[in-house]
PDB file of N, CA and C in Angstrom:
ATOM      1  N   UNK A   1      35.277  10.657 -21.724  1.00  0.00           N
ATOM      2  CA  UNK A   1      36.494  10.310 -21.021  1.00  0.00           C
ATOM      3  C   UNK A   1      36.643   8.787 -20.985  1.00  0.00           C
ATOM      4  N   UNK A   2      37.855   8.342 -21.227  1.00  0.00           N
ATOM      5  CA  UNK A   2      38.131   6.910 -21.228  1.00  0.00           C
ATOM      6  C   UNK A   2      38.118   6.345 -19.825  1.00  0.00           C
ATOM      7  N   UNK A   3      37.756   5.067 -19.720  1.00  0.00           N
ATOM      8  CA  UNK A   3      37.824   4.381 -18.433  1.00  0.00           C
ATOM      9  C   UNK A   3      39.278   4.104 -18.094  1.00  0.00           C
ATOM     10  N   UNK A   4      39.550   4.028 -16.799  1.00  0.00           N
ATOM     11  CA  UNK A   4      40.911   3.786 -16.341  1.00  0.00           C
ATOM     12  C   UNK A   4      41.450   2.447 -16.848  1.00  0.00           C
ATOM     13  N   UNK A   5      40.576   1.447 -16.927  1.00  0.00           N
ATOM     14  CA  UNK A   5      40.987   0.121 -17.395  1.00  0.00           C
ATOM     15  C   UNK A   5      41.542   0.190 -18.806  1.00  0.00           C
ATOM     16  N   UNK A   6      40.844   0.922 -19.656  1.00  0.00           N
ATOM     17  CA  UNK A   6      41.244   1.053 -21.058  1.00  0.00           C
ATOM     18  C   UNK A   6      42.578   1.797 -21.165  1.00  0.00           C
ATOM     19  N   UNK A   7      42.677   2.830 -20.327  1.00  0.00           N
ATOM     20  CA  UNK A   7      43.865   3.672 -20.352  1.00  0.00           C
ATOM     21  C   UNK A   7      45.123   2.908 -19.910  1.00  0.00           C
ATOM     22  N   UNK A   8      44.928   1.997 -18.959  1.00  0.00           N
ATOM     23  CA  UNK A   8      46.057   1.291 -18.369  1.00  0.00           C
ATOM     24  C   UNK A   8      46.394  -0.035 -19.050  1.00  0.00           C
ATOM     25  N   UNK A   9      45.836  -0.315 -20.229  1.00  0.00           N
ATOM     26  CA  UNK A   9      46.146  -1.556 -20.932  1.00  0.00           C
ATOM     27  C   UNK A   9      47.656  -1.657 -21.177  1.00  0.00           C
ATOM     28  N   UNK A  10      48.226  -2.821 -20.867  1.00  0.00           N
ATOM     29  CA  UNK A  10      49.662  -3.019 -21.068  1.00  0.00           C
ATOM     30  C   UNK A  10      50.461  -2.783 -19.812  1.00  0.00           C
ATOM     31  N   UNK A  11      49.931  -2.017 -18.871  1.00  0.00           N
ATOM     32  CA  UNK A  11      50.639  -1.785 -17.611  1.00  0.00           C
ATOM     33  C   UNK A  11      50.254  -2.900 -16.648  1.00  0.00           C
ATOM     34  N   UNK A  12      51.210  -3.576 -16.039  1.00  0.00           N
ATOM     35  CA  UNK A  12      50.842  -4.700 -15.190  1.00  0.00           C
ATOM     36  C   UNK A  12      50.463  -4.297 -13.770  1.00  0.00           C
ATOM     37  N   UNK A  13      50.552  -3.009 -13.409  1.00  0.00           N
ATOM     38  CA  UNK A  13      50.086  -2.579 -12.091  1.00  0.00           C
ATOM     39  C   UNK A  13      48.838  -1.704 -12.198  1.00  0.00           C
ATOM     40  N   UNK A  14      48.504  -1.235 -13.374  1.00  0.00           N
ATOM     41  CA  UNK A  14      47.316  -0.410 -13.638  1.00  0.00           C
ATOM     42  C   UNK A  14      47.240   0.821 -12.754  1.00  0.00           C
ATOM     43  N   UNK A  15      48.378   1.435 -12.498  1.00  0.00           N
ATOM     44  CA  UNK A  15      48.384   2.687 -11.747  1.00  0.00           C
ATOM     45  C   UNK A  15      48.260   2.521 -10.250  1.00  0.00           C
ATOM     46  N   UNK A  16      48.368   1.284  -9.736  1.00  0.00           N
ATOM     47  CA  UNK A  16      48.209   1.068  -8.301  1.00  0.00           C
ATOM     48  C   UNK A  16      49.555   0.910  -7.593  1.00  0.00           C
ATOM     49  N   UNK A  17      50.636   1.142  -8.292  1.00  0.00           N
ATOM     50  CA  UNK A  17      51.956   1.037  -7.675  1.00  0.00           C
ATOM     51  C   UNK A  17      52.411  -0.389  -7.542  1.00  0.00           C
ATOM     52  N   UNK A  18      52.850  -0.765  -6.348  1.00  0.00           N
ATOM     53  CA  UNK A  18      53.355  -2.102  -6.056  1.00  0.00           C
ATOM     54  C   UNK A  18      52.240  -3.131  -6.231  1.00  0.00           C
ATOM     55  N   UNK A  19      52.564  -4.302  -6.817  1.00  0.00           N
ATOM     56  CA  UNK A  19      51.544  -5.297  -7.168  1.00  0.00           C
ATOM     57  C   UNK A  19      50.714  -5.783  -5.976  1.00  0.00           C
ATOM     58  N   UNK A  20      51.350  -6.054  -4.861  1.00  0.00           N
ATOM     59  CA  UNK A  20      50.641  -6.606  -3.701  1.00  0.00           C
ATOM     60  C   UNK A  20      49.660  -5.599  -3.080  1.00  0.00           C
ATOM     61  N   UNK A  21      49.869  -4.344  -3.347  1.00  0.00           N
ATOM     62  CA  UNK A  21      49.042  -3.287  -2.752  1.00  0.00           C
ATOM     63  C   UNK A  21      47.575  -3.401  -3.157  1.00  0.00           C
ATOM     64  N   UNK A  22      47.308  -3.797  -4.375  1.00  0.00           N
ATOM     65  CA  UNK A  22      45.963  -3.741  -4.949  1.00  0.00           C
ATOM     66  C   UNK A  22      45.123  -4.984  -4.704  1.00  0.00           C
ATOM     67  N   UNK A  23      45.600  -5.884  -3.827  1.00  0.00           N
ATOM     68  CA  UNK A  23      44.905  -7.157  -3.661  1.00  0.00           C
ATOM     69  C   UNK A  23      43.610  -7.048  -2.849  1.00  0.00           C
ATOM     70  N   UNK A  24      43.584  -6.257  -1.805  1.00  0.00           N
ATOM     71  CA  UNK A  24      42.419  -6.208  -0.911  1.00  0.00           C
ATOM     72  C   UNK A  24      41.291  -5.344  -1.438  1.00  0.00           C
ATOM     73  N   UNK A  25      40.106  -5.583  -0.888  1.00  0.00           N
ATOM     74  CA  UNK A  25      38.934  -4.803  -1.300  1.00  0.00           C
ATOM     75  C   UNK A  25      39.033  -3.365  -0.837  1.00  0.00           C
ATOM     76  N   UNK A  26      39.849  -3.123   0.195  1.00  0.00           N
ATOM     77  CA  UNK A  26      39.996  -1.765   0.717  1.00  0.00           C
ATOM     78  C   UNK A  26      40.702  -0.834  -0.227  1.00  0.00           C
ATOM     79  N   UNK A  27      41.316  -1.337  -1.251  1.00  0.00           N
ATOM     80  CA  UNK A  27      42.025  -0.503  -2.216  1.00  0.00           C
ATOM     81  C   UNK A  27      41.162  -0.144  -3.418  1.00  0.00           C
ATOM     82  N   UNK A  28      39.922  -0.605  -3.438  1.00  0.00           N
ATOM     83  CA  UNK A  28      39.068  -0.360  -4.596  1.00  0.00           C
ATOM     84  C   UNK A  28      38.578   1.086  -4.670  1.00  0.00           C
ATOM     85  N   UNK A  29      38.609   1.773  -3.538  1.00  0.00           N
ATOM     86  CA  UNK A  29      38.230   3.183  -3.553  1.00  0.00           C
ATOM     87  C   UNK A  29      36.752   3.412  -3.714  1.00  0.00           C
ATOM     88  N   UNK A  30      35.945   2.646  -3.018  1.00  0.00           N
ATOM     89  CA  UNK A  30      34.511   2.920  -3.015  1.00  0.00           C
ATOM     90  C   UNK A  30      33.686   2.079  -3.953  1.00  0.00           C
ATOM     91  N   UNK A  31      34.271   1.152  -4.688  1.00  0.00           N
ATOM     92  CA  UNK A  31      33.460   0.305  -5.550  1.00  0.00           C
ATOM     93  C   UNK A  31      33.110  -0.967  -4.810  1.00  0.00           C
ATOM     94  N   UNK A  32      31.994  -1.524  -5.090  1.00  0.00           N
ATOM     95  CA  UNK A  32      31.570  -2.771  -4.455  1.00  0.00           C
ATOM     96  C   UNK A  32      31.360  -2.597  -2.969  1.00  0.00           C
ATOM     97  N   UNK A  33      31.887  -3.522  -2.187  1.00  0.00           N
ATOM     98  CA  UNK A  33      31.698  -3.488  -0.736  1.00  0.00           C
ATOM     99  C   UNK A  33      32.913  -2.911  -0.016  1.00  0.00           C
ATOM    100  N   UNK A  34      33.749  -2.158  -0.704  1.00  0.00           N
ATOM    101  CA  UNK A  34      34.937  -1.586  -0.082  1.00  0.00           C
ATOM    102  C   UNK A  34      34.526  -0.627   1.019  1.00  0.00           C
ATOM    103  N   UNK A  35      35.150  -0.768   2.172  1.00  0.00           N
ATOM    104  CA  UNK A  35      34.858   0.120   3.289  1.00  0.00           C
ATOM    105  C   UNK A  35      33.706  -0.342   4.154  1.00  0.00           C
ATOM    106  N   UNK A  36      33.058  -1.423   3.792  1.00  0.00           N
ATOM    107  CA  UNK A  36      31.890  -1.877   4.542  1.00  0.00           C
ATOM    108  C   UNK A  36      32.272  -2.667   5.785  1.00  0.00           C
ATOM    109  N   UNK A  37      33.558  -2.930   5.955  1.00  0.00           N
ATOM    110  CA  UNK A  37      33.987  -3.756   7.073  1.00  0.00           C
ATOM    111  C   UNK A  37      33.784  -3.061   8.410  1.00  0.00           C
ATOM    112  N   UNK A  38      33.879  -1.745   8.421  1.00  0.00           N
ATOM    113  CA  UNK A  38      33.915  -1.032   9.691  1.00  0.00           C
ATOM    114  C   UNK A  38      32.679  -0.195   9.993  1.00  0.00           C
ATOM    115  N   UNK A  39      32.121   0.452   9.003  1.00  0.00           N
ATOM    116  CA  UNK A  39      31.023   1.380   9.309  1.00  0.00           C
ATOM    117  C   UNK A  39      29.816   1.168   8.399  1.00  0.00           C
ATOM    118  N   UNK A  40      28.699   1.611   8.858  1.00  0.00           N
ATOM    119  CA  UNK A  40      27.437   1.603   8.117  1.00  0.00           C
ATOM    120  C   UNK A  40      27.003   0.211   7.659  1.00  0.00           C
ATOM    121  N   UNK A  41      27.256  -0.787   8.462  1.00  0.00           N
ATOM    122  CA  UNK A  41      26.861  -2.139   8.090  1.00  0.00           C
ATOM    123  C   UNK A  41      25.341  -2.271   8.055  1.00  0.00           C
ATOM    124  N   UNK A  42      24.664  -1.558   8.962  1.00  0.00           N
ATOM    125  CA  UNK A  42      23.210  -1.652   9.006  1.00  0.00           C
ATOM    126  C   UNK A  42      22.570  -1.068   7.746  1.00  0.00           C
ATOM    127  N   UNK A  43      23.282  -0.206   7.036  1.00  0.00           N
ATOM    128  CA  UNK A  43      22.755   0.344   5.784  1.00  0.00           C
ATOM    129  C   UNK A  43      22.875  -0.666   4.649  1.00  0.00           C
ATOM    130  N   UNK A  44      23.848  -1.574   4.754  1.00  0.00           N
ATOM    131  CA  UNK A  44      24.141  -2.461   3.639  1.00  0.00           C
ATOM    132  C   UNK A  44      23.417  -3.801   3.722  1.00  0.00           C
ATOM    133  N   UNK A  45      23.269  -4.359   4.948  1.00  0.00           N
ATOM    134  CA  UNK A  45      22.661  -5.667   5.083  1.00  0.00           C
ATOM    135  C   UNK A  45      21.361  -5.594   5.851  1.00  0.00           C
ATOM    136  N   UNK A  46      20.556  -6.616   5.719  1.00  0.00           N
ATOM    137  CA  UNK A  46      19.296  -6.681   6.450  1.00  0.00           C
ATOM    138  C   UNK A  46      18.133  -6.264   5.583  1.00  0.00           C
ATOM    139  N   UNK A  47      16.950  -6.301   6.189  1.00  0.00           N
ATOM    140  CA  UNK A  47      15.745  -5.968   5.441  1.00  0.00           C
ATOM    141  C   UNK A  47      15.444  -4.498   5.597  1.00  0.00           C
ATOM    142  N   UNK A  48      14.992  -3.897   4.531  1.00  0.00           N
ATOM    143  CA  UNK A  48      14.674  -2.474   4.565  1.00  0.00           C
ATOM    144  C   UNK A  48      13.332  -2.246   3.894  1.00  0.00           C
ATOM    145  N   UNK A  49      12.606  -1.265   4.383  1.00  0.00           N
ATOM    146  CA  UNK A  49      11.411  -0.804   3.680  1.00  0.00           C
ATOM    147  C   UNK A  49      10.165  -1.608   3.953  1.00  0.00           C
ATOM    148  N   UNK A  50       9.165  -1.304   3.171  1.00  0.00           N
ATOM    149  CA  UNK A  50       7.832  -1.866   3.327  1.00  0.00           C
ATOM    150  C   UNK A  50       7.626  -3.022   2.360  1.00  0.00           C
ATOM    151  N   UNK A  51       7.053  -4.115   2.855  1.00  0.00           N
ATOM    152  CA  UNK A  51       6.765  -5.265   2.002  1.00  0.00           C
ATOM    153  C   UNK A  51       5.272  -5.259   1.706  1.00  0.00           C
ATOM    154  N   UNK A  52       4.930  -5.156   0.449  1.00  0.00           N
ATOM    155  CA  UNK A  52       3.536  -5.099   0.031  1.00  0.00           C
ATOM    156  C   UNK A  52       3.015  -6.520  -0.155  1.00  0.00           C
ATOM    157  N   UNK A  53       2.092  -6.941   0.717  1.00  0.00           N
ATOM    158  CA  UNK A  53       1.637  -8.318   0.702  1.00  0.00           C
ATOM    159  C   UNK A  53       0.399  -8.555  -0.155  1.00  0.00           C
ATOM    160  N   UNK A  54      -0.151  -7.540  -0.712  1.00  0.00           N
ATOM    161  CA  UNK A  54      -1.327  -7.731  -1.543  1.00  0.00           C
ATOM    162  C   UNK A  54      -2.135  -6.455  -1.654  1.00  0.00           C
ATOM    163  N   UNK A  55      -3.108  -6.463  -2.497  1.00  0.00           N
ATOM    164  CA  UNK A  55      -3.915  -5.281  -2.742  1.00  0.00           C
ATOM    165  C   UNK A  55      -5.047  -5.226  -1.729  1.00  0.00           C
ATOM    166  N   UNK A  56      -5.153  -4.098  -1.025  1.00  0.00           N
ATOM    167  CA  UNK A  56      -6.268  -3.903  -0.116  1.00  0.00           C
ATOM    168  C   UNK A  56      -7.368  -3.190  -0.885  1.00  0.00           C
ATOM    169  N   UNK A  57      -8.537  -3.786  -0.879  1.00  0.00           N
ATOM    170  CA  UNK A  57      -9.651  -3.216  -1.629  1.00  0.00           C
ATOM    171  C   UNK A  57     -10.380  -2.208  -0.765  1.00  0.00           C
ATOM    172  N   UNK A  58     -10.608  -1.033  -1.306  1.00  0.00           N
ATOM    173  CA  UNK A  58     -11.361  -0.001  -0.606  1.00  0.00           C
ATOM    174  C   UNK A  58     -12.819  -0.411  -0.530  1.00  0.00           C
ATOM    175  N   UNK A  59     -13.452  -0.152   0.629  1.00  0.00           N
ATOM    176  CA  UNK A  59     -14.876  -0.449   0.769  1.00  0.00           C
ATOM    177  C   UNK A  59     -15.675   0.656   0.111  1.00  0.00           C
ATOM    178  N   UNK A  60     -16.687   0.261  -0.645  1.00  0.00           N
ATOM    179  CA  UNK A  60     -17.610   1.248  -1.222  1.00  0.00           C
ATOM    180  C   UNK A  60     -18.706   1.489  -0.212  1.00  0.00           C
ATOM    181  N   UNK A  61     -18.871   2.731   0.202  1.00  0.00           N
ATOM    182  CA  UNK A  61     -19.835   3.071   1.247  1.00  0.00           C
ATOM    183  C   UNK A  61     -20.925   3.977   0.682  1.00  0.00           C
ATOM    184  N   UNK A  62     -22.063   3.979   1.358  1.00  0.00           N
ATOM    185  CA  UNK A  62     -23.185   4.827   0.983  1.00  0.00           C
ATOM    186  C   UNK A  62     -23.865   5.309   2.261  1.00  0.00           C
ATOM    187  N   UNK A  63     -24.354   6.528   2.255  1.00  0.00           N
ATOM    188  CA  UNK A  63     -25.026   7.092   3.417  1.00  0.00           C
ATOM    189  C   UNK A  63     -26.536   6.891   3.324  1.00  0.00           C
ATOM    190  N   UNK A  64     -27.198   6.976   4.476  1.00  0.00           N
ATOM    191  CA  UNK A  64     -28.653   6.827   4.551  1.00  0.00           C
ATOM    192  C   UNK A  64     -29.339   7.875   3.672  1.00  0.00           C
ATOM    193  N   UNK A  65     -28.794   9.079   3.650  1.00  0.00           N
ATOM    194  CA  UNK A  65     -29.352  10.184   2.853  1.00  0.00           C
ATOM    195  C   UNK A  65     -29.450   9.818   1.370  1.00  0.00           C
ATOM    196  N   UNK A  66     -28.471   9.069   0.877  1.00  0.00           N
ATOM    197  CA  UNK A  66     -28.412   8.725  -0.547  1.00  0.00           C
ATOM    198  C   UNK A  66     -29.397   7.620  -0.938  1.00  0.00           C
ATOM    199  N   UNK A  67     -30.016   6.980   0.035  1.00  0.00           N
ATOM    200  CA  UNK A  67     -30.999   5.932  -0.267  1.00  0.00           C
ATOM    201  C   UNK A  67     -32.283   6.523  -0.858  1.00  0.00           C
ATOM    202  N   UNK A  68     -32.466   7.828  -0.707  1.00  0.00           N
ATOM    203  CA  UNK A  68     -33.660   8.508  -1.249  1.00  0.00           C
ATOM    204  C   UNK A  68     -33.710   8.421  -2.777  1.00  0.00           C
ATOM    205  N   UNK A  69     -32.550   8.367  -3.413  1.00  0.00           N
ATOM    206  CA  UNK A  69     -32.511   8.364  -4.887  1.00  0.00           C
ATOM    207  C   UNK A  69     -32.949   7.035  -5.498  1.00  0.00           C
ATOM    208  N   UNK A  70     -33.016   5.965  -4.690  1.00  0.00           N
ATOM    209  CA  UNK A  70     -33.448   4.663  -5.193  1.00  0.00           C
ATOM    210  C   UNK A  70     -34.967   4.520  -5.066  1.00  0.00           C
ATOM    211  N   UNK A  71     -35.585   3.931  -6.086  1.00  0.00           N
ATOM    212  CA  UNK A  71     -37.036   3.701  -6.058  1.00  0.00           C
ATOM    213  C   UNK A  71     -37.329   2.337  -5.464  1.00  0.00           C
ATOM    214  N   UNK A  72     -38.548   2.159  -4.966  1.00  0.00           N
ATOM    215  CA  UNK A  72     -38.983   0.857  -4.454  1.00  0.00           C
ATOM    216  C   UNK A  72     -38.855   0.766  -2.948  1.00  0.00           C
ATOM    217  N   UNK A  73     -39.475  -0.281  -2.403  1.00  0.00           N
ATOM    218  CA  UNK A  73     -39.476  -0.492  -0.961  1.00  0.00           C
ATOM    219  C   UNK A  73     -38.327  -1.383  -0.502  1.00  0.00           C
ATOM    220  N   UNK A  74     -37.668  -2.051  -1.446  1.00  0.00           N
ATOM    221  CA  UNK A  74     -36.565  -2.946  -1.100  1.00  0.00           C
ATOM    222  C   UNK A  74     -35.347  -2.611  -1.965  1.00  0.00           C
ATOM    223  N   UNK A  75     -34.204  -2.398  -1.297  1.00  0.00           N
ATOM    224  CA  UNK A  75     -32.966  -2.032  -1.998  1.00  0.00           C
ATOM    225  C   UNK A  75     -31.887  -3.030  -1.621  1.00  0.00           C
ATOM    226  N   UNK A  76     -31.277  -3.661  -2.630  1.00  0.00           N
ATOM    227  CA  UNK A  76     -30.163  -4.575  -2.390  1.00  0.00           C
ATOM    228  C   UNK A  76     -28.871  -3.848  -2.754  1.00  0.00           C
ATOM    229  N   UNK A  77     -28.211  -3.299  -1.731  1.00  0.00           N
ATOM    230  CA  UNK A  77     -26.978  -2.529  -1.952  1.00  0.00           C
ATOM    231  C   UNK A  77     -25.802  -3.417  -2.336  1.00  0.00           C
ATOM    232  N   UNK A  78     -25.839  -4.684  -1.944  1.00  0.00           N
ATOM    233  CA  UNK A  78     -24.765  -5.615  -2.295  1.00  0.00           C
ATOM    234  C   UNK A  78     -24.720  -5.833  -3.808  1.00  0.00           C
ATOM    235  N   UNK A  79     -25.873  -5.984  -4.421  1.00  0.00           N
ATOM    236  CA  UNK A  79     -25.948  -6.147  -5.886  1.00  0.00           C
ATOM    237  C   UNK A  79     -25.542  -4.869  -6.611  1.00  0.00           C
ATOM    238  N   UNK A  80     -25.774  -3.723  -5.977  1.00  0.00           N
ATOM    239  CA  UNK A  80     -25.409  -2.435  -6.569  1.00  0.00           C
ATOM    240  C   UNK A  80     -23.932  -2.104  -6.381  1.00  0.00           C
ATOM    241  N   UNK A  81     -23.210  -2.953  -5.637  1.00  0.00           N
ATOM    242  CA  UNK A  81     -21.762  -2.773  -5.497  1.00  0.00           C
ATOM    243  C   UNK A  81     -21.328  -2.056  -4.238  1.00  0.00           C
ATOM    244  N   UNK A  82     -22.232  -1.831  -3.293  1.00  0.00           N
ATOM    245  CA  UNK A  82     -21.870  -1.160  -2.045  1.00  0.00           C
ATOM    246  C   UNK A  82     -21.561  -2.185  -0.965  1.00  0.00           C
ATOM    247  N   UNK A  83     -20.595  -1.849  -0.084  1.00  0.00           N
ATOM    248  CA  UNK A  83     -20.180  -2.759   0.967  1.00  0.00           C
ATOM    249  C   UNK A  83     -20.720  -2.374   2.341  1.00  0.00           C
ATOM    250  N   UNK A  84     -20.894  -1.068   2.572  1.00  0.00           N
ATOM    251  CA  UNK A  84     -21.262  -0.627   3.915  1.00  0.00           C
ATOM    252  C   UNK A  84     -22.244   0.538   3.859  1.00  0.00           C
ATOM    253  N   UNK A  85     -23.188   0.533   4.803  1.00  0.00           N
ATOM    254  CA  UNK A  85     -24.181   1.602   4.930  1.00  0.00           C
ATOM    255  C   UNK A  85     -23.812   2.460   6.127  1.00  0.00           C
ATOM    256  N   UNK A  86     -23.633   3.763   5.893  1.00  0.00           N
ATOM    257  CA  UNK A  86     -23.273   4.706   6.949  1.00  0.00           C
ATOM    258  C   UNK A  86     -24.488   5.540   7.353  1.00  0.00           C
ATOM    259  N   UNK A  87     -24.416   6.170   8.521  1.00  0.00           N
ATOM    260  CA  UNK A  87     -25.595   6.822   9.096  1.00  0.00           C
ATOM    261  C   UNK A  87     -25.743   8.307   8.876  1.00  0.00           C
ATOM    262  N   UNK A  88     -25.064   8.903   7.930  1.00  0.00           N
ATOM    263  CA  UNK A  88     -25.187  10.343   7.703  1.00  0.00           C
ATOM    264  C   UNK A  88     -26.469  10.670   6.938  1.00  0.00           C
ATOM    265  N   UNK A  89     -27.210  11.679   7.399  1.00  0.00           N
ATOM    266  CA  UNK A  89     -28.436  12.104   6.720  1.00  0.00           C
ATOM    267  C   UNK A  89     -29.676  11.487   7.336  1.00  0.00           C
ATOM    268  N   UNK A  90     -30.820  11.759   6.709  1.00  0.00           N
ATOM    269  CA  UNK A  90     -32.112  11.266   7.200  1.00  0.00           C
ATOM    270  C   UNK A  90     -32.864  10.547   6.094  1.00  0.00           C
ATOM    271  N   UNK A  91     -33.797   9.716   6.487  1.00  0.00           N
ATOM    272  CA  UNK A  91     -34.667   9.012   5.533  1.00  0.00           C
ATOM    273  C   UNK A  91     -36.095   9.156   6.043  1.00  0.00           C
ATOM    274  N   UNK A  92     -37.026   9.384   5.108  1.00  0.00           N
ATOM    275  CA  UNK A  92     -38.408   9.650   5.517  1.00  0.00           C
ATOM    276  C   UNK A  92     -39.394   8.565   5.109  1.00  0.00           C
ATOM    277  N   UNK A  93     -38.918   7.476   4.517  1.00  0.00           N
ATOM    278  CA  UNK A  93     -39.822   6.398   4.105  1.00  0.00           C
ATOM    279  C   UNK A  93     -39.308   5.045   4.603  1.00  0.00           C
ATOM    280  N   UNK A  94     -40.233   4.107   4.736  1.00  0.00           N
ATOM    281  CA  UNK A  94     -39.874   2.774   5.214  1.00  0.00           C
ATOM    282  C   UNK A  94     -39.340   1.939   4.057  1.00  0.00           C
ATOM    283  N   UNK A  95     -38.091   1.490   4.213  1.00  0.00           N
ATOM    284  CA  UNK A  95     -37.470   0.659   3.174  1.00  0.00           C
ATOM    285  C   UNK A  95     -36.774  -0.531   3.822  1.00  0.00           C
ATOM    286  N   UNK A  96     -36.621  -1.578   3.031  1.00  0.00           N
ATOM    287  CA  UNK A  96     -35.902  -2.777   3.461  1.00  0.00           C
ATOM    288  C   UNK A  96     -34.566  -2.766   2.703  1.00  0.00           C
ATOM    289  N   UNK A  97     -33.456  -2.789   3.451  1.00  0.00           N
ATOM    290  CA  UNK A  97     -32.126  -2.659   2.841  1.00  0.00           C
ATOM    291  C   UNK A  97     -31.315  -3.925   3.096  1.00  0.00           C
ATOM    292  N   UNK A  98     -30.739  -4.489   2.012  1.00  0.00           N
ATOM    293  CA  UNK A  98     -29.812  -5.630   2.098  1.00  0.00           C
ATOM    294  C   UNK A  98     -28.404  -5.084   1.852  1.00  0.00           C
ATOM    295  N   UNK A  99     -27.495  -5.302   2.803  1.00  0.00           N
ATOM    296  CA  UNK A  99     -26.121  -4.804   2.681  1.00  0.00           C
ATOM    297  C   UNK A  99     -25.189  -5.688   3.512  1.00  0.00           C
ATOM    298  N   UNK A 100     -23.883  -5.741   3.146  1.00  0.00           N
ATOM    299  CA  UNK A 100     -22.913  -6.563   3.888  1.00  0.00           C
ATOM    300  C   UNK A 100     -22.727  -6.054   5.311  1.00  0.00           C
ATOM    301  N   UNK A 101     -22.481  -4.740   5.452  1.00  0.00           N
ATOM    302  CA  UNK A 101     -22.252  -4.134   6.764  1.00  0.00           C
ATOM    303  C   UNK A 101     -23.058  -2.859   6.889  1.00  0.00           C
ATOM    304  N   UNK A 102     -23.414  -2.513   8.130  1.00  0.00           N
ATOM    305  CA  UNK A 102     -24.110  -1.258   8.395  1.00  0.00           C
ATOM    306  C   UNK A 102     -23.737  -0.763   9.784  1.00  0.00           C
ATOM    307  N   UNK A 103     -23.604   0.556   9.926  1.00  0.00           N
ATOM    308  CA  UNK A 103     -23.296   1.112  11.240  1.00  0.00           C
ATOM    309  C   UNK A 103     -24.552   1.107  12.100  1.00  0.00           C
ATOM    310  N   UNK A 104     -24.337   1.188  13.397  1.00  0.00           N
ATOM    311  CA  UNK A 104     -25.449   1.172  14.358  1.00  0.00           C
ATOM    312  C   UNK A 104     -26.369   2.375  14.135  1.00  0.00           C
ATOM    313  N   UNK A 105     -25.778   3.518  13.845  1.00  0.00           N
ATOM    314  CA  UNK A 105     -26.530   4.749  13.608  1.00  0.00           C
ATOM    315  C   UNK A 105     -27.442   4.608  12.380  1.00  0.00           C
ATOM    316  N   UNK A 106     -26.907   3.992  11.317  1.00  0.00           N
ATOM    317  CA  UNK A 106     -27.686   3.805  10.089  1.00  0.00           C
ATOM    318  C   UNK A 106     -28.861   2.868  10.329  1.00  0.00           C
ATOM    319  N   UNK A 107     -28.634   1.797  11.073  1.00  0.00           N
ATOM    320  CA  UNK A 107     -29.692   0.829  11.369  1.00  0.00           C
ATOM    321  C   UNK A 107     -30.799   1.495  12.184  1.00  0.00           C
ATOM    322  N   UNK A 108     -30.404   2.296  13.182  1.00  0.00           N
ATOM    323  CA  UNK A 108     -31.394   2.991  14.011  1.00  0.00           C
ATOM    324  C   UNK A 108     -32.246   3.960  13.203  1.00  0.00           C
ATOM    325  N   UNK A 109     -31.646   4.707  12.289  1.00  0.00           N
ATOM    326  CA  UNK A 109     -32.385   5.682  11.475  1.00  0.00           C
ATOM    327  C   UNK A 109     -33.405   4.999  10.566  1.00  0.00           C
ATOM    328  N   UNK A 110     -33.019   3.877   9.987  1.00  0.00           N
ATOM    329  CA  UNK A 110     -33.942   3.166   9.092  1.00  0.00           C
ATOM    330  C   UNK A 110     -35.072   2.511   9.892  1.00  0.00           C
ATOM    331  N   UNK A 111     -34.751   1.991  11.076  1.00  0.00           N
ATOM    332  CA  UNK A 111     -35.802   1.405  11.939  1.00  0.00           C
ATOM    333  C   UNK A 111     -36.784   2.464  12.420  1.00  0.00           C
ATOM    334  N   UNK A 112     -36.304   3.672  12.725  1.00  0.00           N
ATOM    335  CA  UNK A 112     -37.162   4.776  13.153  1.00  0.00           C
ATOM    336  C   UNK A 112     -38.132   5.178  12.041  1.00  0.00           C
ATOM    337  N   UNK A 113     -37.687   5.049  10.793  1.00  0.00           N
ATOM    338  CA  UNK A 113     -38.537   5.387   9.655  1.00  0.00           C
ATOM    339  C   UNK A 113     -39.512   4.250   9.307  1.00  0.00           C
ATOM    340  N   UNK A 114     -39.380   3.111  10.010  1.00  0.00           N
ATOM    341  CA  UNK A 114     -40.289   1.995   9.783  1.00  0.00           C
ATOM    342  C   UNK A 114     -39.744   0.913   8.876  1.00  0.00           C
ATOM    343  N   UNK A 115     -38.467   0.968   8.562  1.00  0.00           N
ATOM    344  CA  UNK A 115     -37.866  -0.032   7.675  1.00  0.00           C
ATOM    345  C   UNK A 115     -37.013  -1.027   8.439  1.00  0.00           C
ATOM    346  N   UNK A 116     -36.251  -1.820   7.710  1.00  0.00           N
ATOM    347  CA  UNK A 116     -35.348  -2.779   8.344  1.00  0.00           C
ATOM    348  C   UNK A 116     -34.075  -2.952   7.507  1.00  0.00           C
ATOM    349  N   UNK A 117     -32.999  -3.342   8.209  1.00  0.00           N
ATOM    350  CA  UNK A 117     -31.704  -3.555   7.556  1.00  0.00           C
ATOM    351  C   UNK A 117     -31.317  -5.011   7.739  1.00  0.00           C
ATOM    352  N   UNK A 118     -30.986  -5.690   6.628  1.00  0.00           N
ATOM    353  CA  UNK A 118     -30.537  -7.076   6.673  1.00  0.00           C
ATOM    354  C   UNK A 118     -29.061  -7.093   6.279  1.00  0.00           C
ATOM    355  N   UNK A 119     -28.205  -7.485   7.223  1.00  0.00           N
ATOM    356  CA  UNK A 119     -26.765  -7.501   6.958  1.00  0.00           C
ATOM    357  C   UNK A 119     -26.282  -8.935   6.732  1.00  0.00           C
ATOM    358  N   UNK A 120     -25.163  -9.028   6.070  1.00  0.00           N
ATOM    359  CA  UNK A 120     -24.580 -10.355   5.871  1.00  0.00           C
ATOM    360  C   UNK A 120     -24.473 -10.756   4.439  1.00  0.00           C
TER     361      UNK A 120
END
């Protein structure tokens, strides 16, 4: 289907009747900002939605139970890529753990087994 503009070439009113009638934005019939003068202004102007300010990195966590799979008396979880030590599970040997963060429960379980947790 042809556009109205193309169809009305040569006509000096372009189907809008009297020339002065078509001057205002209210005669556009829904194009552009026509009709925005009276209603739904809050939909058209202002800020909307969520602004993403940057990437939040997920913390890599590990439980006390999973420390059994590592060999040796000293484990550096920071070098292995873990950020936090959680307290789920049990440990039966004394180990020294280096990690950025650790929960209180995890620290208590490792101390009970005879080990120590170094955070920071």
